[in-house]
């Protein structure tokens, strides 16, 4: 199973757990599986069209990924919300 690692406030929404194992063929499927397992993150990473939100970066094995990036059972996804401040 692929592993989705959450950072920042997303980790808190997912019960404080930093890593979540999911079965998926691409990034969108992995994030939808995460939403099913952790409903509180729904809408925070993917929008209503299933696209990664502008303020969120997703990396697959250290490389920037898109919704269609393939995901295999040994892959690691990092989900990083943008940091803002003033």
PDB file of N, CA and C in Angstrom:
ATOM      1  N   UNK A   1       0.840  -1.190   0.000  1.00  0.00           N
ATOM      2  CA  UNK A   1       0.000   0.000   0.000  1.00  0.00           C
ATOM      3  C   UNK A   1       0.880   1.248   0.000  1.00  0.00           C
ATOM      4  N   UNK A   2       0.431   2.262  -0.706  1.00  0.00           N
ATOM      5  CA  UNK A   2       1.133   3.541  -0.699  1.00  0.00           C
ATOM      6  C   UNK A   2       0.902   4.225   0.647  1.00  0.00           C
ATOM      7  N   UNK A   3       1.803   5.109   1.008  1.00  0.00           N
ATOM      8  CA  UNK A   3       1.693   5.847   2.269  1.00  0.00           C
ATOM      9  C   UNK A   3       1.540   7.325   1.967  1.00  0.00           C
ATOM     10  N   UNK A   4       0.512   7.941   2.553  1.00  0.00           N
ATOM     11  CA  UNK A   4       0.290   9.388   2.442  1.00  0.00           C
ATOM     12  C   UNK A   4       0.733   9.999   3.761  1.00  0.00           C
ATOM     13  N   UNK A   5       1.669  10.936   3.693  1.00  0.00           N
ATOM     14  CA  UNK A   5       2.163  11.625   4.884  1.00  0.00           C
ATOM     15  C   UNK A   5       1.609  13.042   4.888  1.00  0.00           C
ATOM     16  N   UNK A   6       0.979  13.413   5.994  1.00  0.00           N
ATOM     17  CA  UNK A   6       0.369  14.739   6.124  1.00  0.00           C
ATOM     18  C   UNK A   6       1.203  15.624   7.034  1.00  0.00           C
ATOM     19  N   UNK A   7       1.203  16.900   6.724  1.00  0.00           N
ATOM     20  CA  UNK A   7       1.935  17.897   7.521  1.00  0.00           C
ATOM     21  C   UNK A   7       0.989  18.999   7.961  1.00  0.00           C
ATOM     22  N   UNK A   8       1.421  19.785   8.922  1.00  0.00           N
ATOM     23  CA  UNK A   8       0.691  20.971   9.359  1.00  0.00           C
ATOM     24  C   UNK A   8      -0.693  20.663   9.877  1.00  0.00           C
ATOM     25  N   UNK A   9      -1.627  21.570   9.602  1.00  0.00           N
ATOM     26  CA  UNK A   9      -2.987  21.428  10.113  1.00  0.00           C
ATOM     27  C   UNK A   9      -3.697  20.208   9.543  1.00  0.00           C
ATOM     28  N   UNK A  10      -3.250  19.709   8.395  1.00  0.00           N
ATOM     29  CA  UNK A  10      -3.868  18.512   7.817  1.00  0.00           C
ATOM     30  C   UNK A  10      -3.663  17.300   8.725  1.00  0.00           C
ATOM     31  N   UNK A  11      -2.512  17.230   9.370  1.00  0.00           N
ATOM     32  CA  UNK A  11      -2.258  16.131  10.307  1.00  0.00           C
ATOM     33  C   UNK A  11      -3.260  16.179  11.449  1.00  0.00           C
ATOM     34  N   UNK A  12      -3.533  17.360  11.967  1.00  0.00           N
ATOM     35  CA  UNK A  12      -4.506  17.516  13.045  1.00  0.00           C
ATOM     36  C   UNK A  12      -5.903  17.092  12.620  1.00  0.00           C
ATOM     37  N   UNK A  13      -6.277  17.421  11.384  1.00  0.00           N
ATOM     38  CA  UNK A  13      -7.596  17.029  10.872  1.00  0.00           C
ATOM     39  C   UNK A  13      -7.717  15.514  10.734  1.00  0.00           C
ATOM     40  N   UNK A  14      -6.591  14.851  10.546  1.00  0.00           N
ATOM     41  CA  UNK A  14      -6.586  13.394  10.369  1.00  0.00           C
ATOM     42  C   UNK A  14      -6.306  12.676  11.679  1.00  0.00           C
ATOM     43  N   UNK A  15      -6.727  13.266  12.786  1.00  0.00           N
ATOM     44  CA  UNK A  15      -6.581  12.620  14.080  1.00  0.00           C
ATOM     45  C   UNK A  15      -5.177  12.652  14.644  1.00  0.00           C
ATOM     46  N   UNK A  16      -4.325  13.506  14.094  1.00  0.00           N
ATOM     47  CA  UNK A  16      -2.955  13.615  14.591  1.00  0.00           C
ATOM     48  C   UNK A  16      -2.004  12.577  14.032  1.00  0.00           C
ATOM     49  N   UNK A  17      -2.515  11.681  13.209  1.00  0.00           N
ATOM     50  CA  UNK A  17      -1.660  10.645  12.621  1.00  0.00           C
ATOM     51  C   UNK A  17      -0.898  11.207  11.425  1.00  0.00           C
ATOM     52  N   UNK A  18       0.426  11.058  11.405  1.00  0.00           N
ATOM     53  CA  UNK A  18       1.192  11.620  10.291  1.00  0.00           C
ATOM     54  C   UNK A  18       1.130  10.795   9.019  1.00  0.00           C
ATOM     55  N   UNK A  19       0.919   9.467   9.113  1.00  0.00           N
ATOM     56  CA  UNK A  19       0.954   8.613   7.932  1.00  0.00           C
ATOM     57  C   UNK A  19      -0.293   7.755   7.820  1.00  0.00           C
ATOM     58  N   UNK A  20      -0.721   7.554   6.574  1.00  0.00           N
ATOM     59  CA  UNK A  20      -1.933   6.790   6.285  1.00  0.00           C
ATOM     60  C   UNK A  20      -1.672   5.894   5.080  1.00  0.00           C
ATOM     61  N   UNK A  21      -1.903   4.600   5.229  1.00  0.00           N
ATOM     62  CA  UNK A  21      -1.731   3.653   4.128  1.00  0.00           C
ATOM     63  C   UNK A  21      -3.003   3.630   3.280  1.00  0.00           C
ATOM     64  N   UNK A  22      -2.827   3.712   1.967  1.00  0.00           N
ATOM     65  CA  UNK A  22      -3.970   3.710   1.042  1.00  0.00           C
ATOM     66  C   UNK A  22      -3.638   2.850  -0.179  1.00  0.00           C
ATOM     67  N   UNK A  23      -4.680   2.330  -0.811  1.00  0.00           N
ATOM     68  CA  UNK A  23      -4.521   1.627  -2.087  1.00  0.00           C
ATOM     69  C   UNK A  23      -5.033   2.539  -3.181  1.00  0.00           C
ATOM     70  N   UNK A  24      -4.207   2.748  -4.201  1.00  0.00           N
ATOM     71  CA  UNK A  24      -4.597   3.671  -5.268  1.00  0.00           C
ATOM     72  C   UNK A  24      -3.718   3.470  -6.487  1.00  0.00           C
ATOM     73  N   UNK A  25      -4.233   3.901  -7.639  1.00  0.00           N
ATOM     74  CA  UNK A  25      -3.476   3.846  -8.882  1.00  0.00           C
ATOM     75  C   UNK A  25      -2.867   5.176  -9.271  1.00  0.00           C
ATOM     76  N   UNK A  26      -3.404   6.274  -8.688  1.00  0.00           N
ATOM     77  CA  UNK A  26      -2.845   7.594  -8.956  1.00  0.00           C
ATOM     78  C   UNK A  26      -3.072   8.494  -7.733  1.00  0.00           C
ATOM     79  N   UNK A  27      -2.552   9.703  -7.801  1.00  0.00           N
ATOM     80  CA  UNK A  27      -2.630  10.624  -6.666  1.00  0.00           C
ATOM     81  C   UNK A  27      -4.080  10.922  -6.296  1.00  0.00           C
ATOM     82  N   UNK A  28      -4.936  11.202  -7.261  1.00  0.00           N
ATOM     83  CA  UNK A  28      -6.339  11.511  -6.954  1.00  0.00           C
ATOM     84  C   UNK A  28      -6.989  10.361  -6.187  1.00  0.00           C
ATOM     85  N   UNK A  29      -6.791   9.135  -6.648  1.00  0.00           N
ATOM     86  CA  UNK A  29      -7.371   7.971  -5.965  1.00  0.00           C
ATOM     87  C   UNK A  29      -6.818   7.831  -4.547  1.00  0.00           C
ATOM     88  N   UNK A  30      -5.537   8.107  -4.372  1.00  0.00           N
ATOM     89  CA  UNK A  30      -4.928   8.021  -3.041  1.00  0.00           C
ATOM     90  C   UNK A  30      -5.546   9.050  -2.092  1.00  0.00           C
ATOM     91  N   UNK A  31      -5.736  10.258  -2.591  1.00  0.00           N
ATOM     92  CA  UNK A  31      -6.302  11.310  -1.745  1.00  0.00           C
ATOM     93  C   UNK A  31      -7.784  11.069  -1.472  1.00  0.00           C
ATOM     94  N   UNK A  32      -8.507  10.513  -2.422  1.00  0.00           N
ATOM     95  CA  UNK A  32      -9.917  10.161  -2.187  1.00  0.00           C
ATOM     96  C   UNK A  32     -10.004   9.040  -1.136  1.00  0.00           C
ATOM     97  N   UNK A  33      -9.091   8.069  -1.200  1.00  0.00           N
ATOM     98  CA  UNK A  33      -9.063   6.995  -0.195  1.00  0.00           C
ATOM     99  C   UNK A  33      -8.765   7.576   1.185  1.00  0.00           C
ATOM    100  N   UNK A  34      -7.866   8.553   1.242  1.00  0.00           N
ATOM    101  CA  UNK A  34      -7.573   9.226   2.506  1.00  0.00           C
ATOM    102  C   UNK A  34      -8.818   9.933   3.025  1.00  0.00           C
ATOM    103  N   UNK A  35      -9.554  10.611   2.141  1.00  0.00           N
ATOM    104  CA  UNK A  35     -10.779  11.301   2.553  1.00  0.00           C
ATOM    105  C   UNK A  35     -11.829  10.325   3.100  1.00  0.00           C
ATOM    106  N   UNK A  36     -11.921   9.152   2.501  1.00  0.00           N
ATOM    107  CA  UNK A  36     -12.880   8.157   3.003  1.00  0.00           C
ATOM    108  C   UNK A  36     -12.470   7.669   4.394  1.00  0.00           C
ATOM    109  N   UNK A  37     -11.169   7.475   4.601  1.00  0.00           N
ATOM    110  CA  UNK A  37     -10.679   6.989   5.893  1.00  0.00           C
ATOM    111  C   UNK A  37     -10.669   8.087   6.957  1.00  0.00           C
ATOM    112  N   UNK A  38     -10.440   9.321   6.537  1.00  0.00           N
ATOM    113  CA  UNK A  38     -10.350  10.469   7.448  1.00  0.00           C
ATOM    114  C   UNK A  38     -11.247  11.591   6.912  1.00  0.00           C
ATOM    115  N   UNK A  39     -12.558  11.493   7.128  1.00  0.00           N
ATOM    116  CA  UNK A  39     -13.508  12.450   6.541  1.00  0.00           C
ATOM    117  C   UNK A  39     -13.235  13.920   6.873  1.00  0.00           C
ATOM    118  N   UNK A  40     -12.576  14.201   7.968  1.00  0.00           N
ATOM    119  CA  UNK A  40     -12.305  15.599   8.335  1.00  0.00           C
ATOM    120  C   UNK A  40     -11.381  16.301   7.344  1.00  0.00           C
ATOM    121  N   UNK A  41     -10.594  15.558   6.560  1.00  0.00           N
ATOM    122  CA  UNK A  41      -9.709  16.205   5.582  1.00  0.00           C
ATOM    123  C   UNK A  41     -10.416  16.473   4.252  1.00  0.00           C
ATOM    124  N   UNK A  42     -11.643  15.963   4.092  1.00  0.00           N
ATOM    125  CA  UNK A  42     -12.389  16.167   2.840  1.00  0.00           C
ATOM    126  C   UNK A  42     -12.533  17.656   2.535  1.00  0.00           C
ATOM    127  N   UNK A  43     -12.189  18.005   1.312  1.00  0.00           N
ATOM    128  CA  UNK A  43     -12.305  19.388   0.870  1.00  0.00           C
ATOM    129  C   UNK A  43     -11.087  20.241   1.160  1.00  0.00           C
ATOM    130  N   UNK A  44     -10.170  19.762   1.948  1.00  0.00           N
ATOM    131  CA  UNK A  44      -8.974  20.544   2.290  1.00  0.00           C
ATOM    132  C   UNK A  44      -7.825  20.317   1.323  1.00  0.00           C
ATOM    133  N   UNK A  45      -7.774  19.147   0.680  1.00  0.00           N
ATOM    134  CA  UNK A  45      -6.689  18.839  -0.252  1.00  0.00           C
ATOM    135  C   UNK A  45      -7.200  18.879  -1.688  1.00  0.00           C
ATOM    136  N   UNK A  46      -8.290  18.177  -1.937  1.00  0.00           N
ATOM    137  CA  UNK A  46      -8.918  18.164  -3.262  1.00  0.00           C
ATOM    138  C   UNK A  46     -10.159  19.039  -3.250  1.00  0.00           C
ATOM    139  N   UNK A  47     -10.387  19.734  -4.370  1.00  0.00           N
ATOM    140  CA  UNK A  47     -11.610  20.530  -4.459  1.00  0.00           C
ATOM    141  C   UNK A  47     -12.761  19.645  -4.937  1.00  0.00           C
ATOM    142  N   UNK A  48     -13.919  20.240  -5.194  1.00  0.00           N
ATOM    143  CA  UNK A  48     -15.098  19.487  -5.582  1.00  0.00           C
ATOM    144  C   UNK A  48     -14.966  18.799  -6.940  1.00  0.00           C
ATOM    145  N   UNK A  49     -13.991  19.239  -7.744  1.00  0.00           N
ATOM    146  CA  UNK A  49     -13.749  18.616  -9.047  1.00  0.00           C
ATOM    147  C   UNK A  49     -12.704  17.504  -8.982  1.00  0.00           C
ATOM    148  N   UNK A  50     -12.132  17.309  -7.797  1.00  0.00           N
ATOM    149  CA  UNK A  50     -11.086  16.307  -7.636  1.00  0.00           C
ATOM    150  C   UNK A  50      -9.711  16.807  -8.006  1.00  0.00           C
ATOM    151  N   UNK A  51      -9.540  18.130  -8.044  1.00  0.00           N
ATOM    152  CA  UNK A  51      -8.247  18.739  -8.350  1.00  0.00           C
ATOM    153  C   UNK A  51      -7.556  19.171  -7.059  1.00  0.00           C
ATOM    154  N   UNK A  52      -6.231  19.063  -7.054  1.00  0.00           N
ATOM    155  CA  UNK A  52      -5.462  19.498  -5.889  1.00  0.00           C
ATOM    156  C   UNK A  52      -5.602  21.006  -5.752  1.00  0.00           C
ATOM    157  N   UNK A  53      -5.924  21.462  -4.557  1.00  0.00           N
ATOM    158  CA  UNK A  53      -6.102  22.904  -4.314  1.00  0.00           C
ATOM    159  C   UNK A  53      -4.788  23.649  -4.546  1.00  0.00           C
ATOM    160  N   UNK A  54      -4.916  24.928  -4.944  1.00  0.00           N
ATOM    161  CA  UNK A  54      -3.740  25.764  -5.257  1.00  0.00           C
ATOM    162  C   UNK A  54      -2.764  25.870  -4.107  1.00  0.00           C
ATOM    163  N   UNK A  55      -3.273  25.896  -2.886  1.00  0.00           N
ATOM    164  CA  UNK A  55      -2.415  26.117  -1.729  1.00  0.00           C
ATOM    165  C   UNK A  55      -1.854  24.825  -1.131  1.00  0.00           C
ATOM    166  N   UNK A  56      -1.993  23.719  -1.856  1.00  0.00           N
ATOM    167  CA  UNK A  56      -1.489  22.426  -1.386  1.00  0.00           C
ATOM    168  C   UNK A  56      -0.511  21.869  -2.425  1.00  0.00           C
ATOM    169  N   UNK A  57       0.607  21.348  -1.953  1.00  0.00           N
ATOM    170  CA  UNK A  57       1.574  20.679  -2.820  1.00  0.00           C
ATOM    171  C   UNK A  57       1.592  19.202  -2.477  1.00  0.00           C
ATOM    172  N   UNK A  58       1.626  18.366  -3.507  1.00  0.00           N
ATOM    173  CA  UNK A  58       1.699  16.923  -3.306  1.00  0.00           C
ATOM    174  C   UNK A  58       2.952  16.421  -4.025  1.00  0.00           C
ATOM    175  N   UNK A  59       3.747  15.648  -3.309  1.00  0.00           N
ATOM    176  CA  UNK A  59       4.962  15.069  -3.861  1.00  0.00           C
ATOM    177  C   UNK A  59       4.858  13.556  -3.795  1.00  0.00           C
ATOM    178  N   UNK A  60       5.295  12.893  -4.855  1.00  0.00           N
ATOM    179  CA  UNK A  60       5.337  11.433  -4.898  1.00  0.00           C
ATOM    180  C   UNK A  60       6.805  11.038  -4.982  1.00  0.00           C
ATOM    181  N   UNK A  61       7.278  10.387  -3.932  1.00  0.00           N
ATOM    182  CA  UNK A  61       8.691   9.975  -3.857  1.00  0.00           C
ATOM    183  C   UNK A  61       9.626  11.159  -4.109  1.00  0.00           C
ATOM    184  N   UNK A  62       9.269  12.316  -3.563  1.00  0.00           N
ATOM    185  CA  UNK A  62      10.120  13.502  -3.647  1.00  0.00           C
ATOM    186  C   UNK A  62       9.930  14.354  -4.885  1.00  0.00           C
ATOM    187  N   UNK A  63       9.110  13.919  -5.831  1.00  0.00           N
ATOM    188  CA  UNK A  63       8.862  14.681  -7.056  1.00  0.00           C
ATOM    189  C   UNK A  63       7.460  15.266  -7.026  1.00  0.00           C
ATOM    190  N   UNK A  64       7.313  16.503  -7.485  1.00  0.00           N
ATOM    191  CA  UNK A  64       6.002  17.148  -7.506  1.00  0.00           C
ATOM    192  C   UNK A  64       5.026  16.322  -8.330  1.00  0.00           C
ATOM    193  N   UNK A  65       3.847  16.079  -7.778  1.00  0.00           N
ATOM    194  CA  UNK A  65       2.863  15.257  -8.453  1.00  0.00           C
ATOM    195  C   UNK A  65       1.609  16.039  -8.806  1.00  0.00           C
ATOM    196  N   UNK A  66       0.839  15.480  -9.746  1.00  0.00           N
ATOM    197  CA  UNK A  66      -0.466  16.015 -10.111  1.00  0.00           C
ATOM    198  C   UNK A  66      -1.503  14.941  -9.776  1.00  0.00           C
ATOM    199  N   UNK A  67      -2.751  15.241 -10.038  1.00  0.00           N
ATOM    200  CA  UNK A  67      -3.824  14.290  -9.754  1.00  0.00           C
ATOM    201  C   UNK A  67      -3.631  12.975 -10.508  1.00  0.00           C
ATOM    202  N   UNK A  68      -3.030  13.026 -11.677  1.00  0.00           N
ATOM    203  CA  UNK A  68      -2.884  11.852 -12.537  1.00  0.00           C
ATOM    204  C   UNK A  68      -1.563  11.113 -12.354  1.00  0.00           C
ATOM    205  N   UNK A  69      -0.680  11.603 -11.482  1.00  0.00           N
ATOM    206  CA  UNK A  69       0.603  10.933 -11.262  1.00  0.00           C
ATOM    207  C   UNK A  69       0.356   9.515 -10.753  1.00  0.00           C
ATOM    208  N   UNK A  70       0.949   8.510 -11.407  1.00  0.00           N
ATOM    209  CA  UNK A  70       0.753   7.129 -10.965  1.00  0.00           C
ATOM    210  C   UNK A  70       1.293   6.904  -9.551  1.00  0.00           C
ATOM    211  N   UNK A  71       0.617   6.023  -8.827  1.00  0.00           N
ATOM    212  CA  UNK A  71       1.014   5.665  -7.467  1.00  0.00           C
ATOM    213  C   UNK A  71       1.036   4.141  -7.376  1.00  0.00           C
ATOM    214  N   UNK A  72       2.149   3.606  -6.896  1.00  0.00           N
ATOM    215  CA  UNK A  72       2.276   2.168  -6.702  1.00  0.00           C
ATOM    216  C   UNK A  72       2.292   1.818  -5.225  1.00  0.00           C
ATOM    217  N   UNK A  73       2.304   0.535  -4.920  1.00  0.00           N
ATOM    218  CA  UNK A  73       2.216   0.098  -3.528  1.00  0.00           C
ATOM    219  C   UNK A  73       3.398   0.499  -2.655  1.00  0.00           C
ATOM    220  N   UNK A  74       4.543   0.792  -3.247  1.00  0.00           N
ATOM    221  CA  UNK A  74       5.719   1.167  -2.461  1.00  0.00           C
ATOM    222  C   UNK A  74       5.990   2.663  -2.461  1.00  0.00           C
ATOM    223  N   UNK A  75       5.058   3.451  -3.001  1.00  0.00           N
ATOM    224  CA  UNK A  75       5.271   4.896  -3.114  1.00  0.00           C
ATOM    225  C   UNK A  75       4.891   5.632  -1.839  1.00  0.00           C
ATOM    226  N   UNK A  76       5.532   6.801  -1.680  1.00  0.00           N
ATOM    227  CA  UNK A  76       5.247   7.690  -0.554  1.00  0.00           C
ATOM    228  C   UNK A  76       4.783   9.035  -1.093  1.00  0.00           C
ATOM    229  N   UNK A  77       3.632   9.490  -0.605  1.00  0.00           N
ATOM    230  CA  UNK A  77       3.111  10.795  -0.973  1.00  0.00           C
ATOM    231  C   UNK A  77       3.268  11.730   0.211  1.00  0.00           C
ATOM    232  N   UNK A  78       3.741  12.931  -0.044  1.00  0.00           N
ATOM    233  CA  UNK A  78       3.844  13.973   0.976  1.00  0.00           C
ATOM    234  C   UNK A  78       2.856  15.066   0.603  1.00  0.00           C
ATOM    235  N   UNK A  79       1.982  15.424   1.525  1.00  0.00           N
ATOM    236  CA  UNK A  79       1.003  16.479   1.284  1.00  0.00           C
ATOM    237  C   UNK A  79       1.387  17.658   2.169  1.00  0.00           C
ATOM    238  N   UNK A  80       1.732  18.769   1.521  1.00  0.00           N
ATOM    239  CA  UNK A  80       2.219  19.951   2.226  1.00  0.00           C
ATOM    240  C   UNK A  80       1.327  21.154   1.951  1.00  0.00           C
ATOM    241  N   UNK A  81       0.633  21.631   2.976  1.00  0.00           N
ATOM    242  CA  UNK A  81      -0.147  22.866   2.784  1.00  0.00           C
ATOM    243  C   UNK A  81       0.819  24.054   2.703  1.00  0.00           C
ATOM    244  N   UNK A  82       0.436  25.068   1.953  1.00  0.00           N
ATOM    245  CA  UNK A  82       1.266  26.272   1.838  1.00  0.00           C
ATOM    246  C   UNK A  82       1.338  26.976   3.196  1.00  0.00           C
ATOM    247  N   UNK A  83       2.468  27.593   3.418  1.00  0.00           N
ATOM    248  CA  UNK A  83       2.675  28.359   4.638  1.00  0.00           C
ATOM    249  C   UNK A  83       2.482  29.823   4.295  1.00  0.00           C
ATOM    250  N   UNK A  84       1.645  30.499   5.050  1.00  0.00           N
ATOM    251  CA  UNK A  84       1.411  31.921   4.789  1.00  0.00           C
ATOM    252  C   UNK A  84       1.519  32.699   6.089  1.00  0.00           C
ATOM    253  N   UNK A  85       1.686  33.933   5.940  1.00  0.00           N
ATOM    254  CA  UNK A  85       1.783  34.793   7.114  1.00  0.00           C
ATOM    255  C   UNK A  85       2.043  36.213   6.689  1.00  0.00           C
ATOM    256  N   UNK A  86       2.166  37.069   7.659  1.00  0.00           N
ATOM    257  CA  UNK A  86       2.371  38.454   7.284  1.00  0.00           C
ATOM    258  C   UNK A  86       3.246  39.177   8.243  1.00  0.00           C
TER     259      UNK A  86
END
